[in-house]
Amino acid sequence: MVGTRTAAVLMIAALLTAACGVQGEGSAGALRGKPLSSAATASVPDALRFTARTLDGKEFKGESLAGKHVVFWFWAPWCVDCHDEAPAVRAASAKFRDVAFIGVAGLDTEAAMKEFVQRTRTGTIVQLSDDKGVVWTKLGVSEQSTFVFMRPDGSNRMEWGPLTTQELSGYVQQLLAG
């Protein structure tokens, strides 16, 4: 039942995105402040061309991750596996300080997302509220718990959880070595 619910939510998000469009760099109001130069825009992988909101209400631009090693952790507040792997995410983010860890919450209310972060003590990493599934769709994620390990050039590897502390550390080490 969870798989069907997840698939239905993601399908609706994909349809809404396709029907309504996603604010991109050419959309009015999509970029605040100084626009990127064409050279800077060209160096941003397509997967990082998104704007989201953090759980603490701040705007987050995927472009800010360009040129970095990134671990995206896609989770849902009601996901038991996500809850169980939170300590591994905390440990990896503390161990690999030169890697950006980004939590991407979806499939529930923002209040439930905030409660999950507080309960799991994962507020030390950036946590995005992706209630419309824009980032999930952008990175091709269709279920939780999923990790996307992205290199500075935008190439990535997707792994499904739950991951143990050792497994997650191993994938991050591979990310940094590759």
Protein backbone atom coordinates (compact mmCIF):
# COMPACT_ATOMS: atom_id res chain seq x y z
CA MET A 1 0.00 0.00 0.00
CA VAL A 2 2.86 2.38 0.78
CA GLY A 3 4.35 1.75 -2.67
CA THR A 4 1.04 2.55 -4.36
CA ARG A 5 0.59 5.69 -2.29
CA THR A 6 4.13 6.84 -3.07
CA ALA A 7 3.72 6.15 -6.78
CA ALA A 8 0.41 8.03 -6.87
CA VAL A 9 1.82 11.08 -5.10
CA LEU A 10 4.85 11.21 -7.38
CA MET A 11 2.71 10.74 -10.49
CA ILE A 12 0.50 13.66 -9.44
CA ALA A 13 3.58 15.79 -8.76
CA ALA A 14 5.01 14.92 -12.17
CA LEU A 15 1.74 15.74 -13.90
CA LEU A 16 1.41 19.04 -12.07
CA THR A 17 5.00 19.91 -12.92
CA ALA A 18 4.46 19.10 -16.58
CA ALA A 19 1.13 20.92 -16.74
CA CYS A 20 2.09 24.00 -14.78
CA GLY A 21 5.81 24.17 -15.48
CA VAL A 22 8.61 24.56 -13.03
CA GLN A 23 10.05 27.96 -12.35
CA GLY A 24 13.40 27.96 -14.04
CA GLU A 25 15.96 30.60 -14.56
CA GLY A 26 13.94 32.18 -17.38
CA SER A 27 10.74 32.46 -15.32
CA ALA A 28 9.76 35.79 -13.83
CA GLY A 29 10.81 35.96 -10.21
CA ALA A 30 12.66 32.64 -10.35
CA LEU A 31 16.00 34.21 -9.51
CA ARG A 32 16.43 36.82 -6.84
CA GLY A 33 19.35 39.15 -6.91
CA LYS A 34 21.96 39.16 -9.63
CA PRO A 35 21.33 36.68 -12.49
CA LEU A 36 24.04 34.16 -13.23
CA SER A 37 26.36 34.88 -16.11
CA SER A 38 26.05 32.53 -19.06
CA ALA A 39 29.43 30.98 -18.16
CA ALA A 40 28.27 30.31 -14.60
CA THR A 41 24.93 28.98 -15.83
CA ALA A 42 26.67 26.58 -18.21
CA SER A 43 28.68 25.03 -15.34
CA VAL A 44 25.59 24.20 -13.29
CA PRO A 45 24.41 20.61 -13.94
CA ASP A 46 20.78 20.39 -15.02
CA ALA A 47 19.98 18.28 -11.95
CA LEU A 48 20.84 21.28 -9.76
CA ARG A 49 18.60 23.75 -11.58
CA PHE A 50 15.86 23.91 -8.98
CA THR A 51 14.62 26.20 -6.25
CA ALA A 52 13.16 24.81 -3.04
CA ARG A 53 12.35 25.93 0.48
CA THR A 54 14.13 24.70 3.58
CA LEU A 55 12.11 23.49 6.54
CA ASP A 56 13.10 26.69 8.34
CA GLY A 57 11.50 28.74 5.55
CA LYS A 58 14.55 29.92 3.61
CA GLU A 59 14.88 29.79 -0.16
CA PHE A 60 17.37 27.19 -1.36
CA LYS A 61 18.85 27.15 -4.85
CA GLY A 62 20.22 23.86 -6.11
CA GLU A 63 22.74 25.92 -8.08
CA SER A 64 24.51 26.64 -4.79
CA LEU A 65 25.71 23.01 -4.83
CA ALA A 66 27.45 23.28 -8.22
CA GLY A 67 31.04 22.09 -8.08
CA LYS A 68 30.52 20.16 -4.83
CA HIS A 69 30.13 16.55 -3.84
CA VAL A 70 26.54 16.15 -2.65
CA VAL A 71 24.53 13.47 -0.91
CA PHE A 72 20.77 13.90 -1.28
CA TRP A 73 18.72 11.90 1.21
CA PHE A 74 15.07 11.53 0.16
CA TRP A 75 12.83 10.67 3.09
CA ALA A 76 9.25 10.81 4.35
CA PRO A 77 8.22 11.50 7.96
CA TRP A 78 6.21 8.27 8.31
CA CYS A 79 8.95 6.06 6.81
CA VAL A 80 10.29 3.63 9.42
CA ASP A 81 13.42 2.91 7.35
CA CYS A 82 14.11 6.65 7.04
CA HIS A 83 13.84 7.02 10.80
CA ASP A 84 16.15 4.07 11.38
CA GLU A 85 18.86 5.38 9.05
CA ALA A 86 18.86 8.94 10.44
CA PRO A 87 21.79 8.17 12.81
CA ALA A 88 23.84 6.98 9.81
CA VAL A 89 23.09 10.22 7.97
CA ARG A 90 24.06 12.28 11.03
CA ALA A 91 27.31 10.32 11.42
CA ALA A 92 28.25 10.57 7.73
CA SER A 93 27.55 14.30 7.60
CA ALA A 94 29.79 14.83 10.63
CA LYS A 95 32.54 12.60 9.23
CA PHE A 96 32.57 13.94 5.66
CA ARG A 97 32.53 17.69 6.19
CA ASP A 98 33.63 18.40 2.60
CA VAL A 99 30.41 16.80 1.27
CA ALA A 100 27.10 18.66 1.24
CA PHE A 101 24.33 16.55 2.79
CA ILE A 102 20.82 17.61 1.77
CA GLY A 103 17.69 16.02 3.20
CA VAL A 104 14.71 16.16 0.85
CA ALA A 105 11.45 15.55 2.70
CA GLY A 106 8.22 14.76 0.92
CA LEU A 107 4.97 12.83 0.95
CA ASP A 108 3.52 14.49 4.05
CA THR A 109 2.85 17.82 5.73
CA GLU A 110 5.54 20.30 6.66
CA ALA A 111 4.59 19.95 10.33
CA ALA A 112 5.26 16.20 10.15
CA MET A 113 8.56 16.88 8.37
CA LYS A 114 9.68 19.28 11.11
CA GLU A 115 8.70 16.79 13.80
CA PHE A 116 10.73 14.06 12.05
CA VAL A 117 13.83 16.30 11.92
CA GLN A 118 13.47 17.15 15.60
CA ARG A 119 12.86 13.53 16.61
CA THR A 120 15.81 12.20 14.55
CA ARG A 121 18.12 15.13 15.37
CA THR A 122 18.93 15.62 11.68
CA GLY A 123 18.58 19.39 11.78
CA THR A 124 22.35 19.77 11.41
CA ILE A 125 22.01 19.19 7.67
CA VAL A 126 20.00 21.26 5.20
CA GLN A 127 16.46 19.88 5.08
CA LEU A 128 14.24 20.77 2.12
CA SER A 129 10.45 20.68 2.17
CA ASP A 130 9.53 19.12 -1.16
CA ASP A 131 5.82 18.65 -0.60
CA LYS A 132 5.10 19.09 -4.32
CA GLY A 133 7.77 16.58 -5.38
CA VAL A 134 9.74 19.00 -7.59
CA VAL A 135 13.19 17.92 -6.37
CA TRP A 136 12.14 14.25 -6.22
CA THR A 137 11.04 14.48 -9.86
CA LYS A 138 14.09 16.49 -10.95
CA LEU A 139 16.45 13.81 -9.61
CA GLY A 140 14.31 10.85 -10.73
CA VAL A 141 13.46 9.61 -7.25
CA SER A 142 10.27 7.59 -6.90
CA GLU A 143 10.48 6.20 -3.38
CA GLN A 144 11.88 6.79 0.05
CA SER A 145 14.43 6.08 1.40
CA THR A 146 16.65 6.93 -1.53
CA PHE A 147 20.11 8.45 -1.68
CA VAL A 148 21.56 10.28 -4.67
CA PHE A 149 25.35 10.63 -4.55
CA MET A 150 26.30 13.47 -6.94
CA ARG A 151 29.75 14.41 -8.18
CA PRO A 152 30.69 18.03 -8.95
CA ASP A 153 30.05 17.44 -12.67
CA GLY A 154 26.45 16.35 -11.98
CA SER A 155 26.97 12.64 -12.58
CA ASN A 156 25.34 10.60 -9.88
CA ARG A 157 24.56 7.22 -8.40
CA MET A 158 21.27 6.31 -6.77
CA GLU A 159 20.98 3.83 -3.89
CA TRP A 160 17.90 2.75 -1.97
CA GLY A 161 17.86 2.45 1.79
CA PRO A 162 17.88 1.77 4.46
CA LEU A 163 21.64 2.15 4.59
CA THR A 164 23.76 1.37 7.63
CA THR A 165 26.45 3.74 8.84
CA GLN A 166 29.11 1.56 7.18
CA GLU A 167 27.22 1.33 3.87
CA LEU A 168 26.58 5.06 3.72
CA SER A 169 30.23 5.82 4.56
CA GLY A 170 31.34 3.41 1.83
CA TYR A 171 29.16 5.12 -0.79
CA VAL A 172 30.44 8.56 0.25
CA GLN A 173 34.04 7.32 0.01
CA GLN A 174 33.29 6.03 -3.51
CA LEU A 175 31.77 9.40 -4.37
CA LEU A 176 34.92 11.22 -3.26
CA ALA A 177 37.22 8.75 -5.01
CA GLY A 178 35.41 8.87 -8.35
